[in-house]
Amino acid sequence: MRSTITARGQTVIPAQIRKYFHLSPSDRLEWIIDNGTIRVVPVADDPILAFRAQGKGGATARLLEERSKDRATE
């Protein structure tokens, strides 16, 4: 799928992509530069959902391990 950038820097998101990701006119997108490519990621209204899958993973396990160490030193 392709789209064209207008003179004002705007582009159209293809209908198939809007339907697949359930995007509507009020939704927000985040543009990320990643190793010379551009990634466009839908931003969830819920900040918790927006944060998910953005880290290196294992945050819960690391947090539980830190809390366990804290309890051991008390």
Protein backbone atom coordinates (compact mmCIF):
# COMPACT_ATOMS: atom_id res chain seq x y z
CA MET A 1 0.00 0.00 0.00
CA ARG A 2 1.19 3.49 -0.76
CA SER A 3 0.15 7.02 -0.05
CA THR A 4 1.40 10.40 -1.23
CA ILE A 5 2.57 13.29 0.93
CA THR A 6 0.87 16.59 0.09
CA ALA A 7 2.58 19.99 -0.08
CA ARG A 8 1.36 20.58 3.48
CA GLY A 9 3.03 17.35 4.70
CA GLN A 10 -0.22 15.42 5.02
CA THR A 11 -0.92 11.88 3.87
CA VAL A 12 -3.88 9.47 3.82
CA ILE A 13 -3.91 6.25 5.80
CA PRO A 14 -5.18 3.52 3.46
CA ALA A 15 -8.69 2.25 4.29
CA GLN A 16 -7.46 -1.33 4.86
CA ILE A 17 -5.05 -0.14 7.55
CA ARG A 18 -7.69 2.07 9.22
CA LYS A 19 -10.10 -0.88 9.35
CA TYR A 20 -7.48 -3.37 10.58
CA PHE A 21 -6.38 -1.10 13.44
CA HIS A 22 -9.87 0.33 14.08
CA LEU A 23 -8.61 3.90 13.52
CA SER A 24 -11.04 6.81 13.50
CA PRO A 25 -10.53 10.53 12.77
CA SER A 26 -9.84 11.45 16.40
CA ASP A 27 -7.19 8.74 16.96
CA ARG A 28 -3.55 9.69 17.38
CA LEU A 29 -0.47 8.18 15.78
CA GLU A 30 3.14 8.19 16.93
CA TRP A 31 5.91 8.38 14.31
CA ILE A 32 9.11 6.56 15.25
CA ILE A 33 12.44 6.58 13.42
CA ASP A 34 13.93 3.08 13.69
CA ASN A 35 17.20 2.19 11.93
CA GLY A 36 16.52 4.37 8.92
CA THR A 37 12.85 3.42 8.60
CA ILE A 38 9.67 5.11 9.79
CA ARG A 39 7.23 3.24 12.01
CA VAL A 40 3.75 4.60 12.62
CA VAL A 41 2.13 3.32 15.81
CA PRO A 42 -1.44 3.98 16.98
CA VAL A 43 -1.46 5.63 20.42
CA ALA A 44 -4.08 4.28 22.79
CA ASP A 45 -6.24 6.70 24.80
CA ASP A 46 -5.46 4.62 27.88
CA PRO A 47 -1.87 5.43 28.98
CA ILE A 48 -1.39 1.91 30.36
CA LEU A 49 -2.26 0.37 26.99
CA ALA A 50 -0.01 2.90 25.25
CA PHE A 51 2.92 1.87 27.46
CA ARG A 52 2.51 -1.85 26.90
CA ALA A 53 5.05 -3.52 24.61
CA GLN A 54 7.22 -0.39 24.51
CA GLY A 55 9.86 -1.58 26.98
CA LYS A 56 12.42 -4.32 26.91
CA GLY A 57 10.07 -6.79 28.55
CA GLY A 58 10.13 -8.56 31.88
CA ALA A 59 9.25 -5.46 33.90
CA THR A 60 6.93 -7.36 36.22
CA ALA A 61 9.52 -10.04 36.95
CA ARG A 62 12.18 -7.38 37.61
CA LEU A 63 9.86 -5.47 39.93
CA LEU A 64 8.96 -8.59 41.90
CA GLU A 65 12.65 -9.51 42.21
CA GLU A 66 13.51 -6.03 43.50
CA ARG A 67 10.67 -6.15 46.04
CA SER A 68 11.83 -9.58 47.20
CA LYS A 69 15.36 -8.21 47.76
CA ASP A 70 13.92 -5.22 49.64
CA ARG A 71 11.97 -7.53 51.98
CA ALA A 72 15.06 -9.63 52.62
CA THR A 73 17.02 -6.57 53.78
CA GLU A 74 14.29 -5.27 56.13
